[in-house]
Amino acid sequence: MPNDPADLTVADYLDGARDMAAAGRSFLAHLLAEEAARLVDDPDTARSIRAQYPDPTTDRG
């Protein structure tokens, strides 16, 4: 992984999101996925990323 956060790629953020989700850290996974989605040019891809890692603090009830 790069030392400078400016050098991180979409893949780096998604790898981190997957790792955090697997570790039960859903909010961190969501934050990393949000950054990945922000870096993607295609709106459909960004929506797909966000759908995979929804905000766990949002009340869905």
N, C-alpha and C. Protein backbone atom coordinates (compact mmCIF):
# COMPACT_ATOMS: atom_id res chain seq x y z
N MET A 1 0.85 -1.17 0.00
CA MET A 1 0.00 0.00 0.00
C MET A 1 0.90 1.24 0.00
N PRO A 2 0.53 2.24 -0.76
CA PRO A 2 1.33 3.47 -0.83
C PRO A 2 1.40 4.19 0.52
N ASN A 3 2.49 4.92 0.73
CA ASN A 3 2.65 5.69 1.97
C ASN A 3 1.87 6.99 1.96
N ASP A 4 1.66 7.56 0.79
CA ASP A 4 0.96 8.82 0.65
C ASP A 4 -0.51 8.55 0.33
N PRO A 5 -1.46 9.00 1.16
CA PRO A 5 -2.88 8.75 0.88
C PRO A 5 -3.31 9.25 -0.50
N ALA A 6 -2.63 10.24 -1.04
CA ALA A 6 -2.99 10.75 -2.37
C ALA A 6 -2.70 9.71 -3.45
N ASP A 7 -1.86 8.73 -3.14
CA ASP A 7 -1.52 7.70 -4.12
C ASP A 7 -2.45 6.49 -4.07
N LEU A 8 -3.41 6.49 -3.15
CA LEU A 8 -4.33 5.35 -3.04
C LEU A 8 -5.27 5.31 -4.24
N THR A 9 -5.57 4.10 -4.68
CA THR A 9 -6.46 3.90 -5.82
C THR A 9 -7.82 3.42 -5.35
N VAL A 10 -8.75 3.36 -6.27
CA VAL A 10 -10.08 2.82 -5.97
C VAL A 10 -9.93 1.40 -5.44
N ALA A 11 -9.06 0.62 -6.07
CA ALA A 11 -8.85 -0.77 -5.64
C ALA A 11 -8.31 -0.82 -4.21
N ASP A 12 -7.41 0.09 -3.86
CA ASP A 12 -6.88 0.13 -2.49
C ASP A 12 -8.00 0.39 -1.49
N TYR A 13 -8.86 1.34 -1.79
CA TYR A 13 -9.97 1.66 -0.89
C TYR A 13 -10.95 0.49 -0.79
N LEU A 14 -11.23 -0.17 -1.91
CA LEU A 14 -12.15 -1.31 -1.88
C LEU A 14 -11.54 -2.49 -1.14
N ASP A 15 -10.25 -2.71 -1.29
CA ASP A 15 -9.58 -3.77 -0.52
C ASP A 15 -9.72 -3.49 0.97
N GLY A 16 -9.50 -2.25 1.35
CA GLY A 16 -9.65 -1.87 2.75
C GLY A 16 -11.07 -2.04 3.24
N ALA A 17 -12.04 -1.67 2.40
CA ALA A 17 -13.45 -1.83 2.76
C ALA A 17 -13.79 -3.30 2.98
N ARG A 18 -13.31 -4.16 2.10
CA ARG A 18 -13.56 -5.59 2.27
C ARG A 18 -12.93 -6.11 3.56
N ASP A 19 -11.71 -5.69 3.83
CA ASP A 19 -11.03 -6.11 5.06
C ASP A 19 -11.79 -5.65 6.30
N MET A 20 -12.24 -4.41 6.29
CA MET A 20 -12.96 -3.88 7.44
C MET A 20 -14.31 -4.57 7.61
N ALA A 21 -14.99 -4.85 6.51
CA ALA A 21 -16.27 -5.56 6.59
C ALA A 21 -16.07 -6.96 7.16
N ALA A 22 -15.01 -7.63 6.73
CA ALA A 22 -14.72 -8.98 7.22
C ALA A 22 -14.37 -8.97 8.71
N ALA A 23 -13.81 -7.87 9.17
CA ALA A 23 -13.43 -7.73 10.57
C ALA A 23 -14.58 -7.21 11.44
N GLY A 24 -15.75 -7.00 10.82
CA GLY A 24 -16.91 -6.51 11.56
C GLY A 24 -16.89 -5.01 11.80
N ARG A 25 -16.09 -4.29 11.06
CA ARG A 25 -15.97 -2.84 11.21
C ARG A 25 -16.76 -2.17 10.09
N SER A 26 -18.07 -2.30 10.14
CA SER A 26 -18.93 -1.87 9.04
C SER A 26 -18.86 -0.37 8.76
N PHE A 27 -18.70 0.46 9.79
CA PHE A 27 -18.65 1.90 9.53
C PHE A 27 -17.36 2.27 8.81
N LEU A 28 -16.25 1.69 9.21
CA LEU A 28 -14.99 1.95 8.49
C LEU A 28 -15.07 1.43 7.06
N ALA A 29 -15.70 0.27 6.87
CA ALA A 29 -15.89 -0.25 5.52
C ALA A 29 -16.70 0.74 4.68
N HIS A 30 -17.74 1.27 5.28
CA HIS A 30 -18.58 2.26 4.58
C HIS A 30 -17.77 3.49 4.19
N LEU A 31 -16.95 4.01 5.12
CA LEU A 31 -16.15 5.21 4.83
C LEU A 31 -15.14 4.95 3.70
N LEU A 32 -14.50 3.82 3.73
CA LEU A 32 -13.54 3.49 2.67
C LEU A 32 -14.25 3.33 1.32
N ALA A 33 -15.41 2.69 1.35
CA ALA A 33 -16.18 2.53 0.11
C ALA A 33 -16.67 3.87 -0.42
N GLU A 34 -17.06 4.77 0.47
CA GLU A 34 -17.48 6.10 0.03
C GLU A 34 -16.35 6.81 -0.71
N GLU A 35 -15.15 6.69 -0.19
CA GLU A 35 -14.00 7.32 -0.85
C GLU A 35 -13.75 6.67 -2.21
N ALA A 36 -13.86 5.36 -2.28
CA ALA A 36 -13.71 4.66 -3.56
C ALA A 36 -14.76 5.15 -4.55
N ALA A 37 -16.00 5.26 -4.10
CA ALA A 37 -17.09 5.71 -4.98
C ALA A 37 -16.85 7.14 -5.45
N ARG A 38 -16.30 7.96 -4.58
CA ARG A 38 -16.02 9.35 -4.95
C ARG A 38 -14.97 9.43 -6.05
N LEU A 39 -14.05 8.49 -6.08
CA LEU A 39 -12.98 8.50 -7.07
C LEU A 39 -13.38 7.91 -8.42
N VAL A 40 -14.51 7.23 -8.46
CA VAL A 40 -14.96 6.58 -9.70
C VAL A 40 -15.68 7.59 -10.58
N ASP A 41 -15.39 7.53 -11.87
CA ASP A 41 -16.04 8.46 -12.82
C ASP A 41 -17.45 8.03 -13.21
N ASP A 42 -17.71 6.74 -13.22
CA ASP A 42 -18.99 6.21 -13.68
C ASP A 42 -20.01 6.22 -12.54
N PRO A 43 -21.12 6.95 -12.68
CA PRO A 43 -22.13 7.02 -11.61
C PRO A 43 -22.74 5.66 -11.26
N ASP A 44 -22.90 4.78 -12.24
CA ASP A 44 -23.47 3.46 -11.96
C ASP A 44 -22.52 2.64 -11.09
N THR A 45 -21.25 2.73 -11.37
CA THR A 45 -20.25 2.01 -10.57
C THR A 45 -20.22 2.58 -9.15
N ALA A 46 -20.27 3.89 -9.03
CA ALA A 46 -20.28 4.53 -7.71
C ALA A 46 -21.51 4.08 -6.91
N ARG A 47 -22.67 4.02 -7.55
CA ARG A 47 -23.90 3.56 -6.88
C ARG A 47 -23.75 2.12 -6.42
N SER A 48 -23.15 1.30 -7.26
CA SER A 48 -22.95 -0.11 -6.93
C SER A 48 -22.03 -0.26 -5.71
N ILE A 49 -20.97 0.52 -5.67
CA ILE A 49 -20.05 0.47 -4.53
C ILE A 49 -20.79 0.89 -3.26
N ARG A 50 -21.53 1.97 -3.34
CA ARG A 50 -22.27 2.46 -2.16
C ARG A 50 -23.32 1.45 -1.69
N ALA A 51 -23.94 0.75 -2.62
CA ALA A 51 -24.95 -0.24 -2.26
C ALA A 51 -24.33 -1.43 -1.54
N GLN A 52 -23.09 -1.75 -1.85
CA GLN A 52 -22.42 -2.88 -1.21
C GLN A 52 -22.01 -2.57 0.22
N TYR A 53 -21.80 -1.29 0.52
CA TYR A 53 -21.33 -0.87 1.83
C TYR A 53 -22.19 0.29 2.34
N PRO A 54 -23.45 0.01 2.68
CA PRO A 54 -24.35 1.09 3.13
C PRO A 54 -23.91 1.64 4.49
N ASP A 55 -24.36 2.82 4.80
CA ASP A 55 -24.06 3.47 6.08
C ASP A 55 -24.77 2.70 7.20
N PRO A 56 -24.02 2.08 8.09
CA PRO A 56 -24.67 1.29 9.14
C PRO A 56 -25.34 2.15 10.22
N THR A 57 -25.11 3.44 10.19
CA THR A 57 -25.72 4.32 11.19
C THR A 57 -27.06 4.87 10.73
N THR A 58 -27.43 4.60 9.49
CA THR A 58 -28.71 5.08 8.95
C THR A 58 -29.83 4.19 9.48
N ASP A 59 -30.82 4.81 10.06
CA ASP A 59 -31.97 4.07 10.57
C ASP A 59 -32.84 3.64 9.42
N ARG A 60 -32.97 2.36 9.24
CA ARG A 60 -33.75 1.81 8.14
C ARG A 60 -35.16 1.40 8.59
N GLY A 61 -35.51 1.73 9.81
CA GLY A 61 -36.80 1.32 10.36
C GLY A 61 -37.80 2.32 10.17
